[in-house]
Amino acid sequence: MELILILIMVVIVVSFIAVSISRQRYRNPGEAADIRNVQEYGEPVKSLYTSSKVFTLHHRIEITDNDENVVYRAETKFPSIHDKTDIYTADERHVAHIERKLITLHEIHYVDMENGKSFMLSNELLHIIKDVTNIEGLGWRMEGNILQLNFTLRDENGELVAVVSQKAISLHDKYSVDIYKPEYEEEVVAILITLQHMVNDRETSASAGSSGGSSSSGQ
């Protein structure tokens, strides 16, 4: 009986991985755009890629181009109660500053762009059926699976700005970003970095809660 249960679990896991890979639209630098993206939205003007370096004292995310050159980097000071993060270009020009609001019923991060724009990303925690993330201050909206960072970004006129896709199976968090409005490139980068922090915060909280529950049950 135990062997049968183990085999069933293996089949479920393998099936889940296969479905995840088949649904992902992530692509590596230098590869052609996902055919589904091209069919639905056309060829992107440019593409960027992110990779989180998790084993560093300062949480660092690098954004590269198709030739794997670093074009942006985001660094979070450690320790940082407010999750203070700054984004820079490869030539050290400051792009944006991000901070988390601590006491709130929503997950809220404030983003101040160096170009003068300011906006806020908030996640409505009390939504049970679906993940709802708002961008307040830009008039933009997200469509798709925000929690897994597979979604589209549209501007205040409903026009496509970017398509973000997460790599299904990876030791690091990796994403490809197809940009259709390059004039909004820096806002797209800031939003993606902020969302990665929000998802990481949620996973950390869930892990801490799970560990606390296990400790309590063990006593």
N, C-alpha and C. Protein backbone atom coordinates (compact mmCIF):
# COMPACT_ATOMS: atom_id res chain seq x y z
N MET A 1 0.83 -1.20 0.00
CA MET A 1 0.00 0.00 0.00
C MET A 1 0.87 1.26 0.00
N GLU A 2 1.92 1.25 0.84
CA GLU A 2 2.80 2.42 0.91
C GLU A 2 3.50 2.66 -0.43
N LEU A 3 3.89 1.57 -1.09
CA LEU A 3 4.55 1.69 -2.38
C LEU A 3 3.61 2.31 -3.41
N ILE A 4 2.34 1.89 -3.37
CA ILE A 4 1.35 2.44 -4.30
C ILE A 4 1.16 3.93 -4.07
N LEU A 5 1.10 4.32 -2.79
CA LEU A 5 0.94 5.74 -2.46
C LEU A 5 2.13 6.55 -2.94
N ILE A 6 3.34 5.99 -2.76
CA ILE A 6 4.55 6.67 -3.22
C ILE A 6 4.53 6.84 -4.73
N LEU A 7 4.12 5.79 -5.45
CA LEU A 7 4.05 5.86 -6.91
C LEU A 7 3.04 6.90 -7.35
N ILE A 8 1.90 6.97 -6.66
CA ILE A 8 0.87 7.96 -6.99
C ILE A 8 1.41 9.37 -6.79
N MET A 9 2.14 9.57 -5.67
CA MET A 9 2.71 10.89 -5.39
C MET A 9 3.74 11.27 -6.46
N VAL A 10 4.55 10.30 -6.88
CA VAL A 10 5.55 10.56 -7.92
C VAL A 10 4.87 10.98 -9.21
N VAL A 11 3.81 10.27 -9.58
CA VAL A 11 3.07 10.58 -10.81
C VAL A 11 2.48 11.98 -10.73
N ILE A 12 1.93 12.33 -9.56
CA ILE A 12 1.33 13.66 -9.38
C ILE A 12 2.39 14.75 -9.53
N VAL A 13 3.54 14.53 -8.89
CA VAL A 13 4.62 15.52 -8.96
C VAL A 13 5.13 15.68 -10.38
N VAL A 14 5.37 14.56 -11.05
CA VAL A 14 5.87 14.60 -12.43
C VAL A 14 4.85 15.29 -13.34
N SER A 15 3.58 14.99 -13.14
CA SER A 15 2.52 15.61 -13.95
C SER A 15 2.47 17.11 -13.71
N PHE A 16 2.63 17.51 -12.44
CA PHE A 16 2.62 18.93 -12.11
C PHE A 16 3.77 19.66 -12.78
N ILE A 17 4.96 19.05 -12.74
CA ILE A 17 6.13 19.65 -13.37
C ILE A 17 5.94 19.76 -14.87
N ALA A 18 5.39 18.71 -15.48
CA ALA A 18 5.17 18.71 -16.93
C ALA A 18 4.19 19.80 -17.34
N VAL A 19 3.11 19.95 -16.57
CA VAL A 19 2.11 20.98 -16.87
C VAL A 19 2.72 22.37 -16.69
N SER A 20 3.50 22.55 -15.62
CA SER A 20 4.13 23.85 -15.37
C SER A 20 5.05 24.25 -16.51
N ILE A 21 5.85 23.28 -16.96
CA ILE A 21 6.79 23.57 -18.05
C ILE A 21 6.04 23.88 -19.35
N SER A 22 4.95 23.14 -19.61
CA SER A 22 4.20 23.36 -20.85
C SER A 22 3.50 24.71 -20.86
N ARG A 23 3.15 25.22 -19.67
CA ARG A 23 2.43 26.50 -19.59
C ARG A 23 3.36 27.70 -19.53
N GLN A 24 4.61 27.48 -19.15
CA GLN A 24 5.51 28.62 -18.98
C GLN A 24 5.82 29.27 -20.32
N ARG A 25 6.03 30.57 -20.27
CA ARG A 25 6.40 31.32 -21.47
C ARG A 25 7.79 31.93 -21.31
N TYR A 26 8.49 31.50 -20.29
CA TYR A 26 9.84 31.97 -20.05
C TYR A 26 10.75 31.53 -21.20
N ARG A 27 11.71 32.39 -21.53
CA ARG A 27 12.73 32.01 -22.52
C ARG A 27 14.07 32.55 -22.06
N ASN A 28 15.12 31.85 -22.41
CA ASN A 28 16.46 32.25 -22.04
C ASN A 28 16.97 33.36 -22.96
N PRO A 29 17.94 34.15 -22.50
CA PRO A 29 18.53 35.20 -23.35
C PRO A 29 19.01 34.62 -24.68
N GLY A 30 18.70 35.33 -25.75
CA GLY A 30 19.13 34.90 -27.07
C GLY A 30 18.13 34.03 -27.80
N GLU A 31 17.16 33.46 -27.08
CA GLU A 31 16.14 32.61 -27.70
C GLU A 31 15.03 33.48 -28.30
N ALA A 32 14.32 32.91 -29.27
CA ALA A 32 13.21 33.63 -29.89
C ALA A 32 12.07 33.79 -28.89
N ALA A 33 11.25 34.81 -29.10
CA ALA A 33 10.10 35.04 -28.22
C ALA A 33 9.15 33.85 -28.27
N ASP A 34 8.48 33.60 -27.15
CA ASP A 34 7.53 32.49 -27.09
C ASP A 34 6.48 32.67 -28.19
N ILE A 35 6.21 31.59 -28.91
CA ILE A 35 5.31 31.66 -30.07
C ILE A 35 3.92 32.13 -29.65
N ARG A 36 3.49 31.76 -28.42
CA ARG A 36 2.16 32.19 -27.97
C ARG A 36 2.12 33.70 -27.74
N ASN A 37 3.21 34.25 -27.21
CA ASN A 37 3.28 35.70 -27.04
C ASN A 37 3.23 36.42 -28.39
N VAL A 38 3.98 35.88 -29.36
CA VAL A 38 4.03 36.50 -30.68
C VAL A 38 2.65 36.44 -31.34
N GLN A 39 1.98 35.30 -31.22
CA GLN A 39 0.65 35.15 -31.82
C GLN A 39 -0.37 36.09 -31.19
N GLU A 40 -0.27 36.27 -29.87
CA GLU A 40 -1.25 37.09 -29.15
C GLU A 40 -0.93 38.57 -29.19
N TYR A 41 0.37 38.92 -29.12
CA TYR A 41 0.75 40.32 -28.94
C TYR A 41 1.70 40.87 -30.00
N GLY A 42 2.27 40.00 -30.83
CA GLY A 42 3.25 40.44 -31.79
C GLY A 42 4.66 40.35 -31.22
N GLU A 43 5.65 40.69 -32.03
CA GLU A 43 7.05 40.64 -31.59
C GLU A 43 7.33 41.78 -30.59
N PRO A 44 7.98 41.48 -29.47
CA PRO A 44 8.33 42.54 -28.52
C PRO A 44 9.41 43.44 -29.09
N VAL A 45 9.46 44.70 -28.63
CA VAL A 45 10.49 45.64 -29.07
C VAL A 45 11.84 45.21 -28.51
N LYS A 46 11.86 44.78 -27.25
CA LYS A 46 13.08 44.28 -26.61
C LYS A 46 12.69 43.36 -25.46
N SER A 47 13.67 42.64 -24.95
CA SER A 47 13.41 41.72 -23.84
C SER A 47 14.49 41.86 -22.79
N LEU A 48 14.09 41.66 -21.53
CA LEU A 48 15.02 41.68 -20.41
C LEU A 48 14.84 40.40 -19.60
N TYR A 49 15.84 40.09 -18.76
CA TYR A 49 15.81 38.85 -17.99
C TYR A 49 16.32 39.14 -16.58
N THR A 50 15.70 38.51 -15.60
CA THR A 50 16.14 38.72 -14.22
C THR A 50 16.55 37.40 -13.59
N SER A 51 17.47 37.52 -12.64
CA SER A 51 17.91 36.36 -11.87
C SER A 51 18.25 36.82 -10.46
N SER A 52 17.63 36.19 -9.46
CA SER A 52 17.89 36.56 -8.06
C SER A 52 19.10 35.82 -7.54
N LYS A 53 20.01 36.54 -6.91
CA LYS A 53 21.16 35.93 -6.25
C LYS A 53 20.81 35.84 -4.78
N VAL A 54 20.36 34.63 -4.35
CA VAL A 54 19.79 34.49 -3.01
C VAL A 54 20.83 34.27 -1.93
N PHE A 55 22.03 33.86 -2.27
CA PHE A 55 23.02 33.55 -1.26
C PHE A 55 24.03 34.70 -1.09
N THR A 56 23.51 35.93 -0.97
CA THR A 56 24.36 37.08 -0.76
C THR A 56 23.88 37.84 0.46
N LEU A 57 24.79 38.57 1.09
CA LEU A 57 24.43 39.35 2.27
C LEU A 57 23.40 40.41 1.91
N HIS A 58 23.60 41.06 0.75
CA HIS A 58 22.63 42.02 0.24
C HIS A 58 21.81 41.30 -0.82
N HIS A 59 20.50 41.17 -0.58
CA HIS A 59 19.65 40.53 -1.58
C HIS A 59 19.79 41.28 -2.89
N ARG A 60 20.21 40.62 -3.94
CA ARG A 60 20.56 41.28 -5.20
C ARG A 60 19.83 40.62 -6.36
N ILE A 61 19.27 41.43 -7.22
CA ILE A 61 18.62 40.96 -8.43
C ILE A 61 19.27 41.66 -9.61
N GLU A 62 19.68 40.90 -10.61
CA GLU A 62 20.28 41.48 -11.81
C GLU A 62 19.34 41.34 -12.99
N ILE A 63 19.28 42.37 -13.81
CA ILE A 63 18.47 42.36 -15.01
C ILE A 63 19.41 42.47 -16.20
N THR A 64 19.32 41.51 -17.11
CA THR A 64 20.23 41.46 -18.25
C THR A 64 19.47 41.59 -19.57
N ASP A 65 20.24 41.83 -20.65
CA ASP A 65 19.64 41.91 -21.98
C ASP A 65 19.82 40.59 -22.71
N ASN A 66 19.51 40.59 -24.00
CA ASN A 66 19.59 39.36 -24.79
C ASN A 66 21.00 38.81 -24.90
N ASP A 67 22.00 39.68 -24.71
CA ASP A 67 23.40 39.24 -24.78
C ASP A 67 23.96 38.94 -23.39
N GLU A 68 23.06 38.89 -22.39
CA GLU A 68 23.40 38.58 -21.00
C GLU A 68 24.28 39.65 -20.36
N ASN A 69 24.22 40.87 -20.89
CA ASN A 69 24.89 41.99 -20.25
C ASN A 69 23.98 42.56 -19.17
N VAL A 70 24.54 42.89 -18.00
CA VAL A 70 23.73 43.47 -16.92
C VAL A 70 23.37 44.91 -17.29
N VAL A 71 22.07 45.20 -17.31
CA VAL A 71 21.62 46.56 -17.63
C VAL A 71 21.02 47.26 -16.41
N TYR A 72 20.51 46.47 -15.45
CA TYR A 72 20.01 47.00 -14.19
C TYR A 72 20.40 46.05 -13.06
N ARG A 73 20.49 46.59 -11.86
CA ARG A 73 20.67 45.74 -10.68
C ARG A 73 19.87 46.35 -9.53
N ALA A 74 19.35 45.50 -8.69
CA ALA A 74 18.58 45.94 -7.52
C ALA A 74 19.23 45.35 -6.28
N GLU A 75 19.46 46.19 -5.29
CA GLU A 75 20.09 45.73 -4.05
C GLU A 75 19.27 46.16 -2.85
N THR A 76 19.12 45.23 -1.90
CA THR A 76 18.40 45.50 -0.66
C THR A 76 19.38 45.46 0.50
N LYS A 77 19.39 46.52 1.30
CA LYS A 77 20.28 46.56 2.45
C LYS A 77 19.84 45.55 3.49
N PHE A 78 20.79 44.92 4.14
CA PHE A 78 20.48 43.91 5.14
C PHE A 78 21.19 44.25 6.45
N PRO A 79 20.50 44.23 7.60
CA PRO A 79 19.05 44.02 7.69
C PRO A 79 18.29 45.28 7.32
N SER A 80 17.04 45.13 6.86
CA SER A 80 16.23 46.27 6.45
C SER A 80 14.78 45.99 6.82
N ILE A 81 14.30 46.61 7.89
CA ILE A 81 12.93 46.38 8.34
C ILE A 81 11.92 46.77 7.27
N HIS A 82 12.22 47.86 6.58
CA HIS A 82 11.29 48.34 5.56
C HIS A 82 11.62 47.79 4.17
N ASP A 83 12.52 46.80 4.11
CA ASP A 83 12.87 46.18 2.83
C ASP A 83 13.33 47.24 1.82
N LYS A 84 14.17 48.16 2.26
CA LYS A 84 14.61 49.26 1.40
C LYS A 84 15.49 48.74 0.26
N THR A 85 15.05 49.01 -0.95
CA THR A 85 15.72 48.50 -2.14
C THR A 85 15.95 49.63 -3.13
N ASP A 86 17.12 49.64 -3.75
CA ASP A 86 17.43 50.63 -4.77
C ASP A 86 17.80 49.94 -6.08
N ILE A 87 17.36 50.54 -7.18
CA ILE A 87 17.62 50.01 -8.50
C ILE A 87 18.57 50.97 -9.23
N TYR A 88 19.58 50.41 -9.88
CA TYR A 88 20.57 51.20 -10.61
C TYR A 88 20.75 50.64 -12.02
N THR A 89 21.20 51.50 -12.93
CA THR A 89 21.60 51.02 -14.25
C THR A 89 23.02 50.47 -14.16
N ALA A 90 23.50 49.88 -15.23
CA ALA A 90 24.84 49.30 -15.22
C ALA A 90 25.92 50.37 -15.01
N ASP A 91 25.62 51.62 -15.41
CA ASP A 91 26.60 52.70 -15.22
C ASP A 91 26.34 53.48 -13.93
N GLU A 92 25.61 52.85 -12.99
CA GLU A 92 25.39 53.38 -11.64
C GLU A 92 24.42 54.56 -11.55
N ARG A 93 23.62 54.78 -12.58
CA ARG A 93 22.58 55.80 -12.48
C ARG A 93 21.42 55.27 -11.65
N HIS A 94 20.97 56.03 -10.67
CA HIS A 94 19.87 55.60 -9.82
C HIS A 94 18.56 55.64 -10.58
N VAL A 95 17.78 54.57 -10.48
CA VAL A 95 16.52 54.45 -11.22
C VAL A 95 15.31 54.59 -10.31
N ALA A 96 15.33 53.88 -9.16
CA ALA A 96 14.16 53.89 -8.29
C ALA A 96 14.52 53.45 -6.88
N HIS A 97 13.70 53.88 -5.93
CA HIS A 97 13.81 53.44 -4.55
C HIS A 97 12.50 52.80 -4.14
N ILE A 98 12.59 51.65 -3.46
CA ILE A 98 11.40 50.89 -3.06
C ILE A 98 11.42 50.69 -1.56
N GLU A 99 10.26 50.87 -0.91
CA GLU A 99 10.14 50.61 0.52
C GLU A 99 8.83 49.91 0.82
N ARG A 100 8.87 49.05 1.82
CA ARG A 100 7.68 48.32 2.25
C ARG A 100 7.02 49.04 3.42
N LYS A 101 5.69 49.12 3.41
CA LYS A 101 4.95 49.64 4.54
C LYS A 101 4.74 48.49 5.52
N LEU A 102 5.05 48.72 6.79
CA LEU A 102 5.04 47.62 7.76
C LEU A 102 3.66 47.24 8.26
N ILE A 103 2.93 48.18 8.86
CA ILE A 103 1.68 47.85 9.53
C ILE A 103 0.51 48.16 8.60
N THR A 104 -0.08 47.13 8.02
CA THR A 104 -1.18 47.30 7.10
C THR A 104 -1.89 45.97 6.88
N LEU A 105 -3.16 46.03 6.48
CA LEU A 105 -3.91 44.81 6.16
C LEU A 105 -3.57 44.31 4.76
N HIS A 106 -2.87 45.13 4.01
CA HIS A 106 -2.45 44.76 2.66
C HIS A 106 -0.92 44.73 2.61
N GLU A 107 -0.39 43.98 1.65
CA GLU A 107 1.04 44.06 1.37
C GLU A 107 1.23 45.31 0.52
N ILE A 108 1.95 46.29 1.04
CA ILE A 108 2.12 47.56 0.33
C ILE A 108 3.59 47.91 0.19
N HIS A 109 3.99 48.26 -1.01
CA HIS A 109 5.34 48.76 -1.29
C HIS A 109 5.22 50.08 -2.04
N TYR A 110 6.00 51.06 -1.61
CA TYR A 110 6.04 52.35 -2.28
C TYR A 110 7.23 52.40 -3.24
N VAL A 111 7.01 52.96 -4.42
CA VAL A 111 8.06 53.06 -5.44
C VAL A 111 8.22 54.52 -5.85
N ASP A 112 9.41 55.06 -5.65
CA ASP A 112 9.73 56.42 -6.09
C ASP A 112 10.76 56.34 -7.20
N MET A 113 10.34 56.74 -8.41
CA MET A 113 11.22 56.70 -9.56
C MET A 113 12.09 57.95 -9.59
N GLU A 114 13.29 57.79 -10.11
CA GLU A 114 14.19 58.94 -10.24
C GLU A 114 13.66 59.95 -11.26
N ASN A 115 12.79 59.48 -12.19
CA ASN A 115 12.23 60.38 -13.20
C ASN A 115 11.06 61.21 -12.66
N GLY A 116 10.78 61.08 -11.36
CA GLY A 116 9.74 61.89 -10.73
C GLY A 116 8.43 61.19 -10.49
N LYS A 117 8.22 60.02 -11.10
CA LYS A 117 6.97 59.30 -10.90
C LYS A 117 7.00 58.55 -9.56
N SER A 118 5.85 58.47 -8.92
CA SER A 118 5.71 57.68 -7.69
C SER A 118 4.42 56.88 -7.77
N PHE A 119 4.49 55.63 -7.30
CA PHE A 119 3.29 54.80 -7.28
C PHE A 119 3.41 53.77 -6.18
N MET A 120 2.35 53.02 -5.98
CA MET A 120 2.29 52.06 -4.88
C MET A 120 1.73 50.74 -5.38
N LEU A 121 2.35 49.65 -4.97
CA LEU A 121 1.83 48.32 -5.26
C LEU A 121 1.25 47.74 -3.98
N SER A 122 0.02 47.28 -4.05
CA SER A 122 -0.61 46.68 -2.88
C SER A 122 -1.27 45.38 -3.26
N ASN A 123 -1.19 44.41 -2.36
CA ASN A 123 -1.80 43.11 -2.59
C ASN A 123 -2.94 42.94 -1.60
N GLU A 124 -4.13 42.61 -2.09
CA GLU A 124 -5.31 42.47 -1.25
C GLU A 124 -5.32 41.07 -0.63
N LEU A 125 -4.84 41.01 0.60
CA LEU A 125 -4.64 39.72 1.28
C LEU A 125 -5.93 38.97 1.55
N LEU A 126 -7.03 39.68 1.67
CA LEU A 126 -8.28 39.04 2.07
C LEU A 126 -9.03 38.40 0.91
N HIS A 127 -8.47 38.48 -0.30
CA HIS A 127 -9.10 37.80 -1.44
C HIS A 127 -8.73 36.33 -1.39
N ILE A 128 -9.73 35.48 -1.22
CA ILE A 128 -9.49 34.03 -1.07
C ILE A 128 -9.43 33.35 -2.43
N ILE A 129 -10.27 33.80 -3.35
CA ILE A 129 -10.39 33.11 -4.63
C ILE A 129 -9.22 33.38 -5.56
N LYS A 130 -8.77 34.63 -5.60
CA LYS A 130 -7.69 34.97 -6.53
C LYS A 130 -6.76 36.00 -5.92
N ASP A 131 -5.56 36.08 -6.49
CA ASP A 131 -4.57 37.04 -6.03
C ASP A 131 -4.84 38.37 -6.73
N VAL A 132 -5.00 39.44 -5.95
CA VAL A 132 -5.31 40.75 -6.52
C VAL A 132 -4.20 41.73 -6.14
N THR A 133 -3.49 42.24 -7.12
CA THR A 133 -2.43 43.22 -6.90
C THR A 133 -2.77 44.48 -7.66
N ASN A 134 -2.70 45.62 -6.98
CA ASN A 134 -3.04 46.90 -7.58
C ASN A 134 -1.81 47.77 -7.78
N ILE A 135 -1.82 48.57 -8.84
CA ILE A 135 -0.80 49.58 -9.06
C ILE A 135 -1.50 50.93 -8.96
N GLU A 136 -1.28 51.63 -7.88
CA GLU A 136 -1.94 52.91 -7.66
C GLU A 136 -0.97 54.05 -7.93
N GLY A 137 -1.40 54.98 -8.78
CA GLY A 137 -0.56 56.12 -9.10
C GLY A 137 -0.13 56.16 -10.56
N LEU A 138 -0.18 55.02 -11.25
CA LEU A 138 0.17 54.96 -12.67
C LEU A 138 -1.07 54.78 -13.55
N GLY A 139 -2.11 54.19 -12.97
CA GLY A 139 -3.28 53.88 -13.77
C GLY A 139 -3.12 52.61 -14.58
N TRP A 140 -2.06 51.85 -14.27
CA TRP A 140 -1.82 50.59 -14.97
C TRP A 140 -2.58 49.44 -14.32
N ARG A 141 -2.69 48.33 -15.03
CA ARG A 141 -3.30 47.14 -14.45
C ARG A 141 -2.52 45.90 -14.87
N MET A 142 -2.65 44.86 -14.03
CA MET A 142 -2.02 43.57 -14.31
C MET A 142 -3.10 42.56 -14.65
N GLU A 143 -2.78 41.65 -15.55
CA GLU A 143 -3.70 40.58 -15.91
C GLU A 143 -2.92 39.27 -15.96
N GLY A 144 -3.45 38.24 -15.29
CA GLY A 144 -2.79 36.94 -15.31
C GLY A 144 -2.52 36.43 -13.91
N ASN A 145 -1.55 35.53 -13.80
CA ASN A 145 -1.20 34.92 -12.52
C ASN A 145 -0.12 35.74 -11.85
N ILE A 146 -0.52 36.67 -10.97
CA ILE A 146 0.43 37.57 -10.33
C ILE A 146 1.33 36.81 -9.37
N LEU A 147 0.75 35.87 -8.61
CA LEU A 147 1.50 35.15 -7.58
C LEU A 147 2.69 34.42 -8.18
N GLN A 148 2.52 33.84 -9.36
CA GLN A 148 3.61 33.13 -10.01
C GLN A 148 4.36 34.02 -11.01
N LEU A 149 4.01 35.33 -11.02
CA LEU A 149 4.67 36.30 -11.89
C LEU A 149 4.64 35.89 -13.36
N ASN A 150 3.48 35.45 -13.82
CA ASN A 150 3.22 35.23 -15.23
C ASN A 150 2.02 36.10 -15.59
N PHE A 151 2.29 37.28 -16.17
CA PHE A 151 1.20 38.23 -16.35
C PHE A 151 1.56 39.27 -17.41
N THR A 152 0.55 40.07 -17.77
CA THR A 152 0.78 41.20 -18.66
C THR A 152 0.60 42.50 -17.88
N LEU A 153 1.27 43.53 -18.34
CA LEU A 153 1.12 44.88 -17.79
C LEU A 153 0.51 45.75 -18.88
N ARG A 154 -0.56 46.48 -18.54
CA ARG A 154 -1.20 47.38 -19.50
C ARG A 154 -1.27 48.78 -18.91
N ASP A 155 -1.14 49.78 -19.78
CA ASP A 155 -1.14 51.15 -19.30
C ASP A 155 -2.55 51.67 -19.07
N GLU A 156 -2.66 52.97 -18.79
CA GLU A 156 -3.97 53.55 -18.46
C GLU A 156 -4.95 53.52 -19.63
N ASN A 157 -4.44 53.31 -20.84
CA ASN A 157 -5.30 53.22 -22.02
C ASN A 157 -5.60 51.77 -22.40
N GLY A 158 -5.11 50.83 -21.59
CA GLY A 158 -5.33 49.42 -21.87
C GLY A 158 -4.37 48.84 -22.88
N GLU A 159 -3.36 49.62 -23.27
CA GLU A 159 -2.40 49.14 -24.26
C GLU A 159 -1.30 48.32 -23.58
N LEU A 160 -0.86 47.27 -24.27
CA LEU A 160 0.13 46.35 -23.71
C LEU A 160 1.48 47.04 -23.52
N VAL A 161 2.01 46.93 -22.30
CA VAL A 161 3.33 47.48 -21.98
C VAL A 161 4.38 46.38 -21.95
N ALA A 162 4.05 45.25 -21.29
CA ALA A 162 5.03 44.16 -21.15
C ALA A 162 4.35 42.85 -20.80
N VAL A 163 5.04 41.75 -21.12
CA VAL A 163 4.60 40.40 -20.73
C VAL A 163 5.71 39.80 -19.88
N VAL A 164 5.38 39.38 -18.66
CA VAL A 164 6.35 38.83 -17.72
C VAL A 164 6.11 37.34 -17.56
N SER A 165 7.17 36.54 -17.65
CA SER A 165 7.04 35.08 -17.56
C SER A 165 8.09 34.51 -16.62
N GLN A 166 7.67 33.62 -15.73
CA GLN A 166 8.59 32.99 -14.78
C GLN A 166 9.06 31.64 -15.30
N LYS A 167 10.32 31.31 -15.04
CA LYS A 167 10.83 29.98 -15.38
C LYS A 167 10.26 28.98 -14.39
N ALA A 168 9.67 27.91 -14.90
CA ALA A 168 8.94 26.97 -14.05
C ALA A 168 9.84 26.24 -13.06
N ILE A 169 10.94 25.69 -13.50
CA ILE A 169 11.82 24.89 -12.65
C ILE A 169 13.20 25.52 -12.65
N SER A 170 13.62 26.08 -11.50
CA SER A 170 14.92 26.75 -11.44
C SER A 170 15.38 26.86 -10.00
N LEU A 171 16.70 26.77 -9.78
CA LEU A 171 17.25 26.95 -8.43
C LEU A 171 17.18 28.41 -8.00
N HIS A 172 17.10 29.32 -8.96
CA HIS A 172 16.98 30.74 -8.69
C HIS A 172 15.68 31.24 -9.32
N ASP A 173 15.15 32.35 -8.82
CA ASP A 173 13.99 32.96 -9.44
C ASP A 173 14.42 33.61 -10.74
N LYS A 174 13.89 33.12 -11.86
CA LYS A 174 14.27 33.67 -13.16
C LYS A 174 13.01 34.08 -13.93
N TYR A 175 13.10 35.23 -14.61
CA TYR A 175 11.97 35.75 -15.35
C TYR A 175 12.44 36.36 -16.66
N SER A 176 11.61 36.24 -17.69
CA SER A 176 11.85 36.96 -18.93
C SER A 176 10.75 38.00 -19.08
N VAL A 177 11.12 39.17 -19.59
CA VAL A 177 10.19 40.29 -19.72
C VAL A 177 10.21 40.78 -21.15
N ASP A 178 9.13 40.56 -21.88
CA ASP A 178 9.01 41.07 -23.24
C ASP A 178 8.37 42.46 -23.16
N ILE A 179 9.10 43.47 -23.63
CA ILE A 179 8.64 44.86 -23.51
C ILE A 179 8.11 45.35 -24.87
N TYR A 180 6.90 45.90 -24.83
CA TYR A 180 6.26 46.39 -26.05
C TYR A 180 6.23 47.92 -26.09
N LYS A 181 6.44 48.57 -24.95
CA LYS A 181 6.53 50.03 -24.91
C LYS A 181 7.83 50.39 -24.18
N PRO A 182 8.92 50.51 -24.93
CA PRO A 182 10.23 50.73 -24.30
C PRO A 182 10.33 52.03 -23.51
N GLU A 183 9.45 53.00 -23.77
CA GLU A 183 9.49 54.24 -23.01
C GLU A 183 9.12 54.03 -21.54
N TYR A 184 8.52 52.86 -21.23
CA TYR A 184 8.15 52.54 -19.86
C TYR A 184 9.07 51.48 -19.25
N GLU A 185 10.22 51.26 -19.87
CA GLU A 185 11.11 50.18 -19.44
C GLU A 185 11.46 50.26 -17.95
N GLU A 186 11.82 51.43 -17.47
CA GLU A 186 12.26 51.55 -16.08
C GLU A 186 11.12 51.32 -15.10
N GLU A 187 9.90 51.75 -15.46
CA GLU A 187 8.75 51.46 -14.61
C GLU A 187 8.48 49.96 -14.56
N VAL A 188 8.62 49.29 -15.69
CA VAL A 188 8.42 47.83 -15.74
C VAL A 188 9.43 47.13 -14.85
N VAL A 189 10.69 47.53 -14.92
CA VAL A 189 11.73 46.93 -14.09
C VAL A 189 11.41 47.15 -12.61
N ALA A 190 11.01 48.37 -12.24
CA ALA A 190 10.69 48.66 -10.84
C ALA A 190 9.51 47.84 -10.34
N ILE A 191 8.49 47.68 -11.17
CA ILE A 191 7.33 46.88 -10.79
C ILE A 191 7.72 45.42 -10.60
N LEU A 192 8.51 44.87 -11.52
CA LEU A 192 8.92 43.47 -11.42
C LEU A 192 9.74 43.23 -10.16
N ILE A 193 10.70 44.12 -9.87
CA ILE A 193 11.53 43.97 -8.67
C ILE A 193 10.65 44.01 -7.42
N THR A 194 9.70 44.95 -7.39
CA THR A 194 8.80 45.08 -6.24
C THR A 194 7.97 43.82 -6.06
N LEU A 195 7.43 43.30 -7.14
CA LEU A 195 6.61 42.09 -7.06
C LEU A 195 7.42 40.89 -6.57
N GLN A 196 8.67 40.80 -7.00
CA GLN A 196 9.52 39.71 -6.53
C GLN A 196 9.71 39.80 -5.01
N HIS A 197 9.86 41.01 -4.50
CA HIS A 197 9.98 41.20 -3.06
C HIS A 197 8.68 40.84 -2.34
N MET A 198 7.55 41.20 -2.93
CA MET A 198 6.26 40.90 -2.31
C MET A 198 6.01 39.40 -2.25
N VAL A 199 6.33 38.70 -3.33
CA VAL A 199 6.16 37.25 -3.35
C VAL A 199 7.12 36.59 -2.36
N ASN A 200 8.36 37.08 -2.30
CA ASN A 200 9.34 36.54 -1.35
C ASN A 200 8.88 36.75 0.09
N ASP A 201 8.31 37.94 0.38
CA ASP A 201 7.79 38.22 1.72
C ASP A 201 6.70 37.23 2.09
N ARG A 202 5.81 36.97 1.15
CA ARG A 202 4.70 36.05 1.42
C ARG A 202 5.21 34.63 1.66
N GLU A 203 6.18 34.20 0.85
CA GLU A 203 6.72 32.85 1.02
C GLU A 203 7.45 32.72 2.36
N THR A 204 8.17 33.79 2.76
CA THR A 204 8.87 33.79 4.03
C THR A 204 7.87 33.71 5.19
N SER A 205 6.79 34.48 5.10
CA SER A 205 5.77 34.48 6.14
C SER A 205 5.10 33.12 6.24
N ALA A 206 4.80 32.53 5.08
CA ALA A 206 4.17 31.22 5.08
C ALA A 206 5.08 30.16 5.68
N SER A 207 6.39 30.27 5.35
CA SER A 207 7.36 29.31 5.89
C SER A 207 7.49 29.47 7.41
N ALA A 208 7.51 30.73 7.88
CA ALA A 208 7.61 30.98 9.31
C ALA A 208 6.38 30.48 10.04
N GLY A 209 5.21 30.69 9.43
CA GLY A 209 3.98 30.21 10.04
C GLY A 209 3.93 28.70 10.11
N SER A 210 4.42 28.07 9.04
CA SER A 210 4.45 26.61 9.00
C SER A 210 5.39 26.06 10.06
N SER A 211 6.55 26.70 10.22
CA SER A 211 7.53 26.26 11.22
C SER A 211 6.99 26.45 12.62
N GLY A 212 6.29 27.58 12.82
CA GLY A 212 5.71 27.84 14.14
C GLY A 212 4.64 26.83 14.49
N GLY A 213 3.84 26.47 13.46
CA GLY A 213 2.79 25.50 13.68
C GLY A 213 3.34 24.13 14.01
N SER A 214 4.44 23.77 13.34
CA SER A 214 5.07 22.48 13.59
C SER A 214 5.64 22.42 14.99
N SER A 215 6.26 23.55 15.42
CA SER A 215 6.85 23.60 16.76
C SER A 215 5.78 23.48 17.83
N SER A 216 4.65 24.17 17.59
CA SER A 216 3.57 24.14 18.56
C SER A 216 2.96 22.76 18.67
N SER A 217 2.79 22.09 17.51
CA SER A 217 2.19 20.78 17.52
C SER A 217 3.11 19.75 18.17
N GLY A 218 4.43 20.04 18.11
CA GLY A 218 5.39 19.10 18.67
C GLY A 218 5.50 19.20 20.16
N GLN A 219 4.99 20.32 20.74
CA GLN A 219 5.09 20.48 22.18
C GLN A 219 3.94 19.82 22.90
